[in-house]
Amino acid sequence: MNYTETIFSNRKKAKRMVHVTVKELTLNGSEFIGKEVLIKGWVRTTRDVKACVFVEVNDGSIIKNVQVVANND
């Protein structure tokens, strides 16, 4: 993992979010299950359905994309 960022909300220290690459997620995916991660990259595609939005993100570290599922709010 590259580094960690501390997110501040209303001047209170919040959880640490780990910055990972798409390659790290692809090779070691089970290590990140249930954890919040920060991915920085480009949105390749989006697909909007009733309950959520599927977003494919790529950061150039590997040819594969990672699929993010987000609330439709």
N, C-alpha and C. Protein backbone atom coordinates (compact mmCIF):
# COMPACT_ATOMS: atom_id res chain seq x y z
N MET A 1 0.83 -1.17 0.00
CA MET A 1 0.00 0.00 0.00
C MET A 1 0.88 1.24 0.00
N ASN A 2 0.45 2.24 -0.71
CA ASN A 2 1.28 3.42 -0.91
C ASN A 2 1.35 4.33 0.32
N TYR A 3 0.22 4.77 0.81
CA TYR A 3 0.20 5.66 1.94
C TYR A 3 -1.21 5.71 2.50
N THR A 4 -1.37 6.34 3.64
CA THR A 4 -2.70 6.49 4.20
C THR A 4 -3.03 7.97 4.28
N GLU A 5 -4.29 8.26 4.16
CA GLU A 5 -4.75 9.64 4.30
C GLU A 5 -5.67 9.71 5.49
N THR A 6 -5.60 10.81 6.22
CA THR A 6 -6.52 11.02 7.31
C THR A 6 -7.59 11.98 6.82
N ILE A 7 -8.83 11.57 6.94
CA ILE A 7 -9.96 12.39 6.51
C ILE A 7 -10.49 13.15 7.73
N PHE A 8 -10.63 14.46 7.59
CA PHE A 8 -11.15 15.27 8.69
C PHE A 8 -12.57 15.71 8.39
N SER A 9 -13.46 15.49 9.33
CA SER A 9 -14.86 15.87 9.19
C SER A 9 -15.24 16.68 10.41
N ASN A 10 -15.64 17.93 10.20
CA ASN A 10 -16.00 18.83 11.29
C ASN A 10 -14.91 18.92 12.35
N ARG A 11 -13.67 18.99 11.90
CA ARG A 11 -12.49 19.13 12.77
C ARG A 11 -12.21 17.91 13.63
N LYS A 12 -12.91 16.82 13.41
CA LYS A 12 -12.66 15.60 14.16
C LYS A 12 -11.94 14.61 13.26
N LYS A 13 -11.00 13.91 13.84
CA LYS A 13 -10.24 12.93 13.08
C LYS A 13 -11.15 11.72 12.80
N ALA A 14 -11.26 11.36 11.53
CA ALA A 14 -12.11 10.24 11.14
C ALA A 14 -11.23 9.03 10.82
N LYS A 15 -11.85 8.00 10.27
CA LYS A 15 -11.14 6.77 9.92
C LYS A 15 -10.01 7.04 8.94
N ARG A 16 -9.02 6.17 8.97
CA ARG A 16 -7.97 6.23 7.96
C ARG A 16 -8.41 5.42 6.77
N MET A 17 -8.23 6.00 5.60
CA MET A 17 -8.59 5.34 4.36
C MET A 17 -7.28 5.01 3.64
N VAL A 18 -7.15 3.79 3.20
CA VAL A 18 -5.91 3.35 2.57
C VAL A 18 -5.98 3.60 1.07
N HIS A 19 -4.96 4.26 0.53
CA HIS A 19 -4.87 4.48 -0.91
C HIS A 19 -4.26 3.25 -1.56
N VAL A 20 -4.98 2.64 -2.49
CA VAL A 20 -4.49 1.45 -3.19
C VAL A 20 -4.62 1.66 -4.69
N THR A 21 -3.84 0.91 -5.43
CA THR A 21 -3.95 0.95 -6.88
C THR A 21 -4.90 -0.15 -7.34
N VAL A 22 -5.36 -0.04 -8.57
CA VAL A 22 -6.23 -1.06 -9.14
C VAL A 22 -5.47 -2.39 -9.20
N LYS A 23 -4.19 -2.33 -9.46
CA LYS A 23 -3.37 -3.54 -9.50
C LYS A 23 -3.35 -4.24 -8.14
N GLU A 24 -3.18 -3.47 -7.07
CA GLU A 24 -3.18 -4.05 -5.72
C GLU A 24 -4.53 -4.68 -5.41
N LEU A 25 -5.62 -4.03 -5.80
CA LEU A 25 -6.95 -4.61 -5.58
C LEU A 25 -7.14 -5.89 -6.37
N THR A 26 -6.63 -5.92 -7.60
CA THR A 26 -6.78 -7.09 -8.45
C THR A 26 -5.98 -8.27 -7.90
N LEU A 27 -4.75 -8.02 -7.47
CA LEU A 27 -3.89 -9.10 -7.01
C LEU A 27 -4.17 -9.55 -5.58
N ASN A 28 -4.62 -8.63 -4.73
CA ASN A 28 -4.82 -8.93 -3.30
C ASN A 28 -6.22 -8.54 -2.84
N GLY A 29 -7.23 -8.80 -3.66
CA GLY A 29 -8.59 -8.34 -3.39
C GLY A 29 -9.15 -8.78 -2.05
N SER A 30 -8.88 -10.02 -1.64
CA SER A 30 -9.44 -10.52 -0.39
C SER A 30 -8.92 -9.77 0.83
N GLU A 31 -7.77 -9.15 0.70
CA GLU A 31 -7.18 -8.37 1.80
C GLU A 31 -8.01 -7.12 2.13
N PHE A 32 -8.77 -6.64 1.16
CA PHE A 32 -9.49 -5.37 1.32
C PHE A 32 -10.99 -5.54 1.56
N ILE A 33 -11.47 -6.76 1.67
CA ILE A 33 -12.90 -7.00 1.88
C ILE A 33 -13.34 -6.37 3.20
N GLY A 34 -14.39 -5.57 3.15
CA GLY A 34 -14.93 -4.92 4.33
C GLY A 34 -14.19 -3.66 4.75
N LYS A 35 -13.18 -3.24 3.99
CA LYS A 35 -12.41 -2.05 4.34
C LYS A 35 -12.72 -0.93 3.36
N GLU A 36 -12.56 0.30 3.82
CA GLU A 36 -12.70 1.46 2.94
C GLU A 36 -11.35 1.74 2.31
N VAL A 37 -11.36 1.90 1.00
CA VAL A 37 -10.12 2.21 0.28
C VAL A 37 -10.33 3.44 -0.58
N LEU A 38 -9.23 4.09 -0.92
CA LEU A 38 -9.25 5.26 -1.79
C LEU A 38 -8.60 4.88 -3.10
N ILE A 39 -9.33 5.04 -4.19
CA ILE A 39 -8.80 4.77 -5.52
C ILE A 39 -8.80 6.09 -6.29
N LYS A 40 -7.68 6.41 -6.90
CA LYS A 40 -7.59 7.61 -7.72
C LYS A 40 -7.35 7.16 -9.15
N GLY A 41 -8.19 7.61 -10.07
CA GLY A 41 -8.03 7.20 -11.45
C GLY A 41 -9.08 7.82 -12.34
N TRP A 42 -9.32 7.18 -13.48
CA TRP A 42 -10.26 7.66 -14.47
C TRP A 42 -11.49 6.78 -14.51
N VAL A 43 -12.64 7.40 -14.68
CA VAL A 43 -13.89 6.64 -14.84
C VAL A 43 -13.96 6.19 -16.28
N ARG A 44 -14.02 4.88 -16.49
CA ARG A 44 -14.09 4.30 -17.83
C ARG A 44 -15.53 4.18 -18.30
N THR A 45 -16.41 3.65 -17.44
CA THR A 45 -17.82 3.51 -17.80
C THR A 45 -18.67 3.67 -16.55
N THR A 46 -19.93 4.04 -16.76
CA THR A 46 -20.91 4.06 -15.69
C THR A 46 -22.18 3.40 -16.18
N ARG A 47 -22.87 2.73 -15.26
CA ARG A 47 -24.15 2.11 -15.58
C ARG A 47 -25.08 2.39 -14.42
N ASP A 48 -26.17 3.08 -14.72
CA ASP A 48 -27.12 3.52 -13.70
C ASP A 48 -28.32 2.57 -13.69
N VAL A 49 -28.60 1.97 -12.54
CA VAL A 49 -29.79 1.15 -12.36
C VAL A 49 -30.60 1.75 -11.22
N LYS A 50 -31.78 1.22 -10.96
CA LYS A 50 -32.65 1.82 -9.95
C LYS A 50 -31.99 2.02 -8.59
N ALA A 51 -31.40 0.97 -8.06
CA ALA A 51 -30.91 0.99 -6.68
C ALA A 51 -29.50 1.55 -6.54
N CYS A 52 -28.69 1.48 -7.59
CA CYS A 52 -27.29 1.89 -7.44
C CYS A 52 -26.68 2.27 -8.79
N VAL A 53 -25.42 2.68 -8.73
CA VAL A 53 -24.66 3.03 -9.93
C VAL A 53 -23.40 2.17 -9.94
N PHE A 54 -23.10 1.57 -11.08
CA PHE A 54 -21.87 0.80 -11.25
C PHE A 54 -20.88 1.69 -12.01
N VAL A 55 -19.68 1.84 -11.45
CA VAL A 55 -18.66 2.69 -12.04
C VAL A 55 -17.39 1.85 -12.21
N GLU A 56 -16.82 1.86 -13.41
CA GLU A 56 -15.55 1.18 -13.62
C GLU A 56 -14.45 2.22 -13.64
N VAL A 57 -13.43 1.99 -12.78
CA VAL A 57 -12.34 2.95 -12.59
C VAL A 57 -11.03 2.27 -12.96
N ASN A 58 -10.12 3.04 -13.60
CA ASN A 58 -8.80 2.54 -13.92
C ASN A 58 -7.78 3.62 -13.58
N ASP A 59 -6.64 3.21 -13.04
CA ASP A 59 -5.60 4.18 -12.69
C ASP A 59 -4.32 4.02 -13.52
N GLY A 60 -4.33 3.10 -14.47
CA GLY A 60 -3.18 2.90 -15.33
C GLY A 60 -2.15 1.93 -14.78
N SER A 61 -2.35 1.39 -13.58
CA SER A 61 -1.38 0.47 -12.99
C SER A 61 -1.50 -0.94 -13.58
N ILE A 62 -2.63 -1.23 -14.20
CA ILE A 62 -2.90 -2.53 -14.81
C ILE A 62 -3.97 -2.30 -15.87
N ILE A 63 -4.08 -3.20 -16.81
CA ILE A 63 -5.05 -3.01 -17.90
C ILE A 63 -6.50 -3.20 -17.43
N LYS A 64 -6.70 -3.93 -16.36
CA LYS A 64 -8.05 -4.20 -15.85
C LYS A 64 -8.63 -2.98 -15.14
N ASN A 65 -9.95 -2.94 -15.07
CA ASN A 65 -10.66 -1.92 -14.32
C ASN A 65 -11.15 -2.51 -13.00
N VAL A 66 -11.49 -1.66 -12.06
CA VAL A 66 -12.14 -2.11 -10.83
C VAL A 66 -13.54 -1.55 -10.85
N GLN A 67 -14.53 -2.37 -10.45
CA GLN A 67 -15.92 -1.92 -10.47
C GLN A 67 -16.31 -1.43 -9.08
N VAL A 68 -16.83 -0.23 -9.02
CA VAL A 68 -17.29 0.39 -7.79
C VAL A 68 -18.81 0.42 -7.84
N VAL A 69 -19.44 0.03 -6.74
CA VAL A 69 -20.89 0.10 -6.63
C VAL A 69 -21.22 1.22 -5.66
N ALA A 70 -21.98 2.21 -6.14
CA ALA A 70 -22.30 3.38 -5.31
C ALA A 70 -23.81 3.53 -5.19
N ASN A 71 -24.23 4.17 -4.09
CA ASN A 71 -25.65 4.48 -3.93
C ASN A 71 -26.11 5.42 -5.03
N ASN A 72 -27.34 5.36 -5.37
CA ASN A 72 -27.90 6.17 -6.44
C ASN A 72 -28.41 7.51 -5.92
N ASP A 73 -28.01 7.89 -4.73
CA ASP A 73 -28.46 9.17 -4.12
C ASP A 73 -27.70 10.33 -4.67
